[in-house]
Protein backbone atom coordinates (compact mmCIF):
# COMPACT_ATOMS: atom_id res chain seq x y z
CA MET A 1 8.71 -10.97 17.09
CA THR A 2 6.22 -8.47 15.33
CA VAL A 3 7.28 -5.91 12.59
CA PRO A 4 6.25 -2.37 13.25
CA VAL A 5 4.33 -1.24 9.69
CA TYR A 6 2.98 1.36 8.50
CA ILE A 7 0.47 1.55 5.90
CA ASP A 8 0.35 4.93 3.16
CA SER A 9 -3.06 3.86 0.75
CA ASP A 10 -5.39 5.17 -1.51
CA LEU A 11 -8.19 2.58 -0.51
CA GLY A 12 -11.71 2.84 -2.02
CA THR A 13 -10.65 2.69 -5.57
CA ASP A 14 -8.52 -1.22 -6.61
CA VAL A 15 -9.56 -3.61 -4.02
CA ASP A 16 -6.44 -4.81 -3.62
CA ASP A 17 -5.84 -1.55 -0.99
CA ALA A 18 -8.56 -3.56 1.23
CA LEU A 19 -7.04 -6.93 1.23
CA ALA A 20 -3.25 -5.62 2.40
CA LEU A 21 -5.03 -3.58 4.53
CA SER A 22 -6.68 -7.08 6.23
CA LEU A 23 -4.00 -8.53 5.86
CA ALA A 24 -1.89 -6.44 7.65
CA ALA A 25 -4.48 -6.22 10.32
CA LEU A 26 -5.11 -9.51 11.13
CA ASP A 27 -1.48 -11.48 10.93
CA PRO A 28 -0.22 -11.82 14.17
CA ARG A 29 3.55 -10.97 12.50
CA PHE A 30 2.32 -7.72 11.80
CA ASP A 31 2.76 -4.75 14.76
CA LEU A 32 0.57 -1.74 12.15
CA ARG A 33 1.14 1.36 14.46
CA GLY A 34 -0.88 3.79 11.81
CA VAL A 35 -2.71 3.81 8.08
CA ALA A 36 -2.75 7.26 6.03
CA THR A 37 -4.64 8.04 2.41
CA VAL A 38 -3.65 9.57 0.04
CA ASN A 39 -5.03 10.61 -3.63
CA GLY A 40 -8.29 12.81 -4.35
CA PRO A 41 -11.50 11.86 -1.58
CA VAL A 42 -8.80 10.94 1.08
CA ARG A 43 -11.74 11.76 4.23
CA GLU A 44 -13.50 9.36 2.68
CA ARG A 45 -10.62 7.10 1.99
CA ALA A 46 -10.04 7.25 5.79
CA ALA A 47 -13.71 6.53 6.54
CA GLN A 48 -13.48 3.35 4.46
CA VAL A 49 -9.77 2.49 6.50
CA ARG A 50 -11.62 3.16 9.34
CA GLY A 51 -14.69 0.56 8.54
CA ILE A 52 -11.92 -2.17 7.45
CA LEU A 53 -10.12 -1.58 10.73
CA ASP A 54 -13.99 -1.88 12.85
CA LEU A 55 -14.33 -5.23 11.47
CA CYS A 56 -11.28 -5.91 12.25
CA ARG A 57 -11.39 -5.26 15.34
CA ARG A 58 -8.33 -2.88 15.53
CA ASP A 59 -9.91 -0.06 17.01
CA ASP A 60 -6.63 0.86 18.23
CA VAL A 61 -4.95 1.20 14.78
CA PRO A 62 -5.02 5.43 14.18
CA VAL A 63 -6.05 6.54 10.89
CA ALA A 64 -4.92 9.46 9.33
CA ILE A 65 -5.97 11.67 6.73
CA GLY A 66 -3.04 12.68 3.65
CA GLN A 67 -2.92 15.15 0.91
CA SER A 68 -5.66 14.91 -2.31
CA ASP A 69 -3.78 16.74 -4.84
CA PRO A 70 -0.13 15.60 -5.67
CA LEU A 71 2.80 18.15 -4.69
CA SER A 72 2.75 20.00 -8.19
CA GLY A 73 -0.29 21.01 -7.20
CA VAL A 74 -1.61 19.06 -10.59
CA ALA A 75 -2.86 16.04 -11.38
CA THR A 76 -0.41 14.19 -14.14
CA PHE A 77 -2.09 10.79 -15.12
CA ALA A 78 -5.32 9.91 -16.82
CA MET A 79 -6.54 7.02 -14.25
CA PRO A 80 -9.99 7.50 -11.77
CA VAL A 81 -9.04 9.04 -8.44
CA GLY A 82 -12.79 8.54 -7.08
CA LEU A 83 -14.09 5.88 -4.78
CA VAL A 84 -15.22 2.63 -6.62
CA ALA A 85 -16.29 0.99 -3.40
CA ASP A 86 -19.26 1.69 -1.23
CA GLY A 87 -17.80 0.93 1.69
CA PRO A 88 -18.28 -0.01 4.63
CA ILE A 89 -17.86 3.25 6.47
CA GLY A 90 -16.47 3.77 9.83
CA HIS A 91 -17.28 6.84 12.40
CA LEU A 92 -14.51 9.68 12.14
CA PRO A 93 -14.20 12.41 14.35
CA THR A 94 -13.43 15.76 13.56
CA ASP A 95 -9.65 15.98 14.58
CA VAL A 96 -8.82 13.29 12.24
CA PRO A 97 -5.10 13.73 12.51
CA SER A 98 -3.23 14.55 9.38
CA ALA A 99 -0.64 12.22 7.54
CA GLU A 100 2.26 14.16 8.45
CA GLU A 101 1.08 14.22 12.23
CA LEU A 102 0.64 10.37 12.58
CA LEU A 103 3.94 9.75 10.97
CA VAL A 104 6.16 12.02 12.84
CA GLU A 105 4.11 10.81 15.83
CA VAL A 106 4.49 6.57 14.59
CA LEU A 107 8.38 7.38 13.84
CA ARG A 108 9.12 9.65 17.20
CA ALA A 109 7.43 6.72 19.12
CA ALA A 110 9.58 3.92 17.23
CA THR A 111 13.16 3.66 18.35
CA PRO A 112 16.47 3.12 16.35
CA ASP A 113 17.20 -0.85 17.07
CA ALA A 114 13.05 -1.59 15.79
CA PRO A 115 12.37 1.01 13.51
CA VAL A 116 9.01 0.85 11.09
CA HIS A 117 8.19 -0.27 7.55
CA ILE A 118 6.61 2.50 5.57
CA CYS A 119 4.51 0.66 3.35
CA VAL A 120 3.69 3.23 -0.04
CA ILE A 121 0.90 1.91 -1.91
CA GLY A 122 -0.92 4.72 -3.41
CA ALA A 123 0.87 8.36 -4.94
CA MET A 124 4.24 8.49 -3.00
CA THR A 125 2.55 12.92 -1.87
CA ASN A 126 2.38 11.90 2.01
CA VAL A 127 5.21 9.82 2.60
CA ALA A 128 8.10 11.93 -0.01
CA ARG A 129 6.65 15.53 1.68
CA ASP A 130 6.70 14.39 5.42
CA LEU A 131 9.74 12.58 5.46
CA ALA A 132 11.72 14.82 3.62
CA ALA A 133 10.31 17.64 5.73
CA HIS A 134 12.24 15.00 9.01
CA PRO A 135 15.14 13.98 8.69
CA GLU A 136 16.50 13.89 11.95
CA LEU A 137 13.67 10.68 11.74
CA PHE A 138 15.28 8.65 9.19
CA ASP A 139 16.53 6.39 11.63
CA ARG A 140 13.42 5.39 13.16
CA VAL A 141 12.79 3.86 9.05
CA ALA A 142 13.44 0.58 8.60
CA ALA A 143 12.89 0.46 4.36
CA LEU A 144 10.01 2.04 2.08
CA HIS A 145 8.04 -1.05 0.66
CA VAL A 146 6.61 1.16 -3.04
CA MET A 147 4.56 -0.51 -4.64
CA ALA A 148 4.86 1.44 -8.21
CA GLY A 149 6.33 1.69 -11.81
CA HIS A 150 7.98 -1.45 -13.76
CA VAL A 151 11.30 -2.98 -14.14
CA GLY A 152 10.32 -5.05 -17.26
CA ALA A 153 10.90 -4.65 -20.89
CA ASP A 154 7.26 -3.23 -21.41
CA GLN A 155 7.12 0.02 -20.06
CA ILE A 156 3.68 1.52 -19.30
CA PRO A 157 2.78 4.57 -17.10
CA GLU A 158 2.05 3.41 -13.56
CA PHE A 159 -0.72 5.57 -11.47
CA ASN A 160 1.53 5.37 -8.05
CA LEU A 161 4.50 6.72 -10.08
CA ASN A 162 2.86 8.94 -12.36
CA GLY A 163 0.25 9.89 -9.77
CA ASP A 164 2.53 13.05 -8.73
CA ASP A 165 5.67 12.36 -10.43
CA VAL A 166 7.37 15.45 -8.26
CA ALA A 167 6.60 13.17 -5.18
CA SER A 168 8.24 10.19 -6.78
CA ARG A 169 11.35 11.73 -7.25
CA THR A 170 11.66 13.09 -3.76
CA LEU A 171 11.41 9.50 -2.67
CA HIS A 172 13.64 8.14 -4.53
CA ALA A 173 16.15 10.55 -3.75
CA LEU A 174 15.90 10.05 0.01
CA PRO A 175 18.96 8.20 1.87
CA LEU A 176 16.74 5.10 2.94
CA PRO A 177 16.31 1.71 2.06
CA ILE A 178 13.67 1.36 -1.11
CA VAL A 179 11.80 -2.66 -1.58
CA LEU A 180 10.02 -2.09 -4.65
CA ALA A 181 7.17 -4.35 -5.85
CA PRO A 182 6.75 -3.58 -9.98
CA TYR A 183 3.31 -3.65 -11.70
CA ASP A 184 5.21 -6.08 -14.22
CA VAL A 185 5.57 -8.53 -11.27
CA THR A 186 1.93 -7.71 -9.14
CA ALA A 187 0.66 -7.84 -12.23
CA ARG A 188 0.77 -11.88 -12.28
CA MET A 189 -0.66 -11.99 -9.07
CA ALA A 190 -4.30 -12.73 -8.75
CA LEU A 191 -6.99 -14.58 -6.80
CA THR A 192 -8.81 -17.09 -8.08
CA ASP A 193 -12.49 -17.78 -8.15
CA ASP A 194 -12.33 -19.82 -4.98
CA ASP A 195 -10.26 -17.50 -2.94
CA VAL A 196 -12.33 -14.76 -3.80
CA ALA A 197 -15.72 -17.09 -2.95
CA ARG A 198 -13.31 -18.19 0.45
CA ILE A 199 -13.12 -14.93 1.40
CA GLY A 200 -16.96 -14.25 0.89
CA ALA A 201 -17.50 -16.70 3.48
CA CYS A 202 -15.35 -14.90 6.37
CA GLY A 203 -18.11 -13.12 7.99
CA GLU A 204 -18.85 -9.36 8.06
CA LEU A 205 -15.12 -8.37 7.18
CA GLY A 206 -15.36 -10.71 4.54
CA GLN A 207 -18.49 -9.73 2.78
CA ALA A 208 -17.92 -6.62 2.77
CA LEU A 209 -14.03 -7.22 0.99
CA HIS A 210 -16.57 -9.20 -1.63
CA ARG A 211 -18.61 -6.48 -2.05
CA GLN A 212 -15.29 -4.75 -2.96
CA MET A 213 -13.90 -7.26 -5.40
CA GLY A 214 -17.02 -7.43 -7.01
CA ARG A 215 -17.33 -4.11 -7.48
CA TRP A 216 -13.41 -3.15 -8.81
CA THR A 217 -13.81 -6.37 -11.18
CA LYS A 218 -17.02 -4.84 -13.04
CA PHE A 219 -15.92 -1.29 -13.02
CA VAL A 220 -11.78 -3.13 -14.67
CA HIS A 221 -13.20 -6.64 -16.08
CA GLY A 222 -10.98 -7.95 -15.19
CA ARG A 223 -9.36 -10.01 -11.79
CA VAL A 224 -8.15 -9.23 -7.88
CA LEU A 225 -4.83 -8.52 -9.16
CA LEU A 226 -2.69 -8.49 -5.66
CA HIS A 227 -0.22 -5.92 -6.45
CA ASP A 228 -0.01 -4.33 -2.92
CA PRO A 229 -0.85 -7.40 -0.99
CA LEU A 230 2.58 -8.68 -2.30
CA SER A 231 4.26 -5.99 -1.52
CA VAL A 232 3.00 -5.61 2.25
CA LEU A 233 3.60 -9.40 2.68
CA ASP A 234 7.14 -9.13 1.95
CA VAL A 235 7.73 -7.23 5.09
CA VAL A 236 7.05 -9.97 6.97
CA ASP A 237 7.46 -13.16 4.87
CA GLY A 238 10.98 -13.86 3.18
CA GLU A 239 9.88 -16.61 1.71
CA VAL A 240 6.90 -14.90 -0.74
CA ALA A 241 9.20 -13.23 -3.29
CA HIS A 242 12.30 -13.40 -4.97
CA LYS A 243 14.54 -9.83 -4.62
CA GLU A 244 17.66 -8.60 -6.85
CA THR A 245 19.15 -5.22 -5.55
CA MET A 246 18.78 -3.10 -9.29
CA GLN A 247 20.66 0.64 -9.70
CA LEU A 248 17.42 2.58 -11.12
CA SER A 249 17.17 5.63 -12.00
CA LEU A 250 13.54 7.75 -12.59
CA GLN A 251 13.87 9.13 -16.18
CA GLY A 252 10.88 10.89 -18.19
CA GLY A 253 8.60 13.59 -17.09
CA PRO A 254 4.78 13.85 -15.63
CA GLY A 255 2.57 11.19 -16.74
CA ALA A 256 5.45 9.31 -18.34
CA LEU A 257 8.25 8.47 -15.21
CA PHE A 258 9.40 5.50 -15.55
CA TYR A 259 12.28 3.60 -13.50
CA VAL A 260 15.77 2.84 -15.63
CA GLU A 261 18.39 0.38 -14.81
CA SER A 262 21.45 3.27 -15.02
CA ALA A 263 25.25 2.50 -13.66
CA LEU A 264 23.85 6.04 -11.79
CA GLY A 265 21.48 5.18 -10.04
CA ARG A 266 20.19 4.63 -6.95
CA PRO A 267 20.31 0.77 -5.39
CA VAL A 268 16.45 -0.85 -4.84
CA SER A 269 15.87 -4.14 -3.35
CA VAL A 270 13.61 -5.39 -6.87
CA ILE A 271 11.15 -8.05 -6.25
CA ARG A 272 11.71 -9.96 -9.34
CA ASP A 273 9.18 -12.70 -8.92
CA ALA A 274 6.97 -14.13 -6.39
CA ASP A 275 4.96 -17.29 -4.98
CA VAL A 276 1.40 -16.65 -5.70
CA THR A 277 0.36 -19.82 -4.27
CA ASN A 278 1.75 -18.89 -0.80
CA LEU A 279 0.45 -15.11 -1.83
CA ARG A 280 -3.05 -16.18 -2.42
CA GLU A 281 -3.71 -18.50 0.27
CA THR A 282 -1.37 -16.47 3.22
CA ILE A 283 -4.12 -13.95 2.80
CA VAL A 284 -7.37 -16.24 2.69
CA SER A 285 -5.98 -18.39 5.36
CA VAL A 286 -5.40 -15.27 8.12
CA LEU A 287 -9.03 -13.95 6.87
CA GLU A 288 -10.64 -17.46 7.52
CA GLU A 289 -8.40 -17.79 10.87
CA CYS A 290 -9.18 -14.25 12.43
CA THR A 291 -12.82 -14.10 11.19
CA ASP A 292 -13.57 -17.89 11.62
CA GLY A 293 -17.14 -17.05 9.69
CA SER A 294 -18.13 -14.92 12.30
CA ALA A 295 -16.69 -11.61 12.13
């Protein structure tokens, strides 16, 4: 049985979004209902989403364009919000739906007995605003799977949480289940050099991902970290992550917003550790099986 999933992403900067999207598009456990973009050059991001989906042969998955700016109207965190990836570029018609239009359409088409898992793997602007405007659709949401913030001892401002502090607070207050993949866990998840080479051998899709991985690692002088793929894979794989329920509040202000354990906080299912070998091998093997080296 497949799991209905909707993704809201800032694909085009960190390559982990493209890996997460490819996983959701190709792994048969996912029923990918739609993808929206957020943050900065959202139409260009959407064209890259379409390009990835085309290489996955998923022209059935609709793409939407979300918000460029945070709800406050003021950028709150110094991170490059432009594009690092240079493609692939898919064709977007002039009448691309808005993120709100697509999310509402996806949720209205769902049923309370088969609700949609919403993966928030960028700034929370679209999902926070649009769900807050449509409380009548809450029963169509299974959970919000959020990659953001820290819950460890070393609190460092993280972009997805701080890119739109108003949206982050709005989403945290929604009466919906939240599954959190925090940066202090996801930053321990990385592809090996062998994984990168295997992905590059997976036909046109693998080559495109390989180019993106190369550009990103050169940009950050680091490795390919699997922040978003962990959050997305956890939706369908109960073995990949160990979770604990924690009472979390949001404290701080613009650019310095943090999750803090508090007796007054709301319950959040937090990923505290994960099987990185399972995560890596799932990503690579799904690409190898579905592309067969010839996509």
